[in-house]
Protein backbone atom coordinates (compact mmCIF):
# COMPACT_ATOMS: atom_id res chain seq x y z
CA MET A 1 -0.06 0.10 0.04
CA SER A 2 1.40 3.45 -0.86
CA LEU A 3 0.54 6.76 0.14
CA LYS A 4 -0.55 7.55 -3.33
CA SER A 5 -3.40 5.17 -3.27
CA ILE A 6 -5.00 7.06 -0.29
CA LYS A 7 -7.87 9.09 -1.64
CA LEU A 8 -9.38 10.85 1.23
CA THR A 9 -8.31 12.74 4.18
CA GLY A 10 -10.02 13.34 7.65
CA LYS A 11 -11.29 16.73 6.04
CA ASP A 12 -12.71 15.00 2.93
CA ILE A 13 -14.60 12.78 5.18
CA LEU A 14 -15.79 15.38 7.48
CA GLU A 15 -16.99 17.69 4.63
CA LYS A 16 -18.76 14.88 2.78
CA ASP A 17 -22.45 15.72 2.16
CA PHE A 18 -24.90 12.87 1.30
CA LYS A 19 -28.19 13.44 -0.68
CA THR A 20 -31.24 12.67 1.19
CA GLY A 21 -33.92 10.47 -0.21
CA MET A 22 -37.53 9.50 0.67
CA ARG A 23 -36.35 6.44 2.64
CA GLY A 24 -32.63 7.31 3.10
CA TYR A 25 -30.41 6.59 6.18
CA ASN A 26 -30.68 8.29 9.50
CA GLN A 27 -28.46 11.46 9.09
CA GLU A 28 -27.44 11.25 12.76
CA GLU A 29 -26.33 7.66 12.53
CA VAL A 30 -24.32 8.45 9.47
CA ASP A 31 -22.86 11.54 11.05
CA GLU A 32 -21.64 9.54 14.08
CA PHE A 33 -20.22 6.76 11.89
CA LEU A 34 -18.32 9.35 9.94
CA ASP A 35 -17.09 10.97 13.08
CA THR A 36 -15.70 7.67 14.15
CA VAL A 37 -13.99 7.10 10.74
CA ILE A 38 -12.52 10.30 11.02
CA GLN A 39 -11.00 9.63 14.31
CA ASP A 40 -9.49 6.52 13.25
CA TYR A 41 -8.26 8.07 9.96
CA ASP A 42 -6.43 10.75 12.09
CA THR A 43 -5.14 8.02 14.21
CA PHE A 44 -3.76 6.15 11.28
CA GLN A 45 -2.29 9.06 10.04
CA GLN A 46 -0.35 9.71 13.28
CA GLU A 47 0.75 6.27 13.64
CA ILE A 48 2.19 6.31 9.95
CA ASP A 49 4.10 9.54 10.88
CA ARG A 50 5.51 8.13 13.98
CA LEU A 51 6.56 4.90 12.08
CA LYS A 52 8.31 6.96 9.39
CA GLN A 53 10.30 8.93 12.13
CA GLU A 54 11.17 5.59 13.70
CA ASN A 55 12.18 4.11 10.57
CA GLU A 56 14.50 7.28 9.55
CA ARG A 57 16.07 7.00 13.26
CA LEU A 58 16.84 3.22 12.66
CA LYS A 59 18.33 3.86 9.34
CA THR A 60 20.62 6.59 10.70
CA GLN A 61 21.56 4.48 13.56
CA SER A 62 22.34 1.51 11.31
CA ASP A 63 24.34 3.71 9.10
CA GLN A 64 26.26 5.02 11.95
CA THR A 65 26.96 1.51 13.16
CA ARG A 66 28.10 0.10 9.94
CA THR A 67 30.44 3.15 9.65
CA ARG A 68 31.83 2.46 13.11
CA SER A 69 32.51 -1.22 12.67
CA THR A 70 34.11 -0.82 9.35
CA THR A 71 36.76 1.61 10.75
CA PRO A 72 39.81 -0.45 11.67
CA ASN A 73 41.11 -0.08 15.24
CA HIS A 74 44.71 -0.94 15.02
CA GLN A 75 45.34 -0.34 18.77
CA VAL A 76 42.90 -3.14 19.72
CA ASN A 77 44.72 -5.42 17.21
CA TYR A 78 47.93 -4.66 18.74
CA ASP A 79 46.88 -5.24 22.18
CA VAL A 80 45.36 -8.51 21.52
CA LEU A 81 48.38 -9.49 19.51
CA LYS A 82 50.62 -8.52 22.59
CA ARG A 83 48.30 -10.66 24.93
CA LEU A 84 48.60 -13.58 22.76
CA SER A 85 52.31 -13.47 22.66
CA ASN A 86 52.48 -13.04 26.49
CA LEU A 87 50.12 -16.00 26.86
CA GLU A 88 52.21 -18.02 24.66
CA LYS A 89 55.36 -17.21 26.64
CA ALA A 90 53.43 -18.19 29.80
CA VAL A 91 52.10 -21.52 28.54
CA PHE A 92 55.10 -22.54 26.60
CA GLY A 93 58.05 -20.86 28.33
CA LYS A 94 60.84 -18.86 27.35
CA LYS A 95 62.12 -21.46 25.00
CA PHE A 96 59.38 -20.96 22.61
CA ALA A 97 59.75 -17.14 22.63
CA GLU A 98 63.46 -17.67 21.85
CA THR A 99 62.68 -19.87 18.80
CA GLU A 100 60.50 -16.94 17.08
């Protein structure tokens, strides 16, 4: 469903006039029903707007996360390698470190 396929606004519904006939509908019932439709329509529009904002926020957040994760952090890599080297020395002893 796209927004282009929506043909009515809350204002259109509110301003709609129906012709009366000899044995037509009760005008008060029609007006009450249309009032309810207008309220629901406005609620749906508010929800659509809220979801659009949330969607944009999540896209921005995702882009920021992607940017951060692709940035290499050489300092962290160096620290990991240094710790690994120290662990190897502790486990295998100095003999292993001397053969490198």
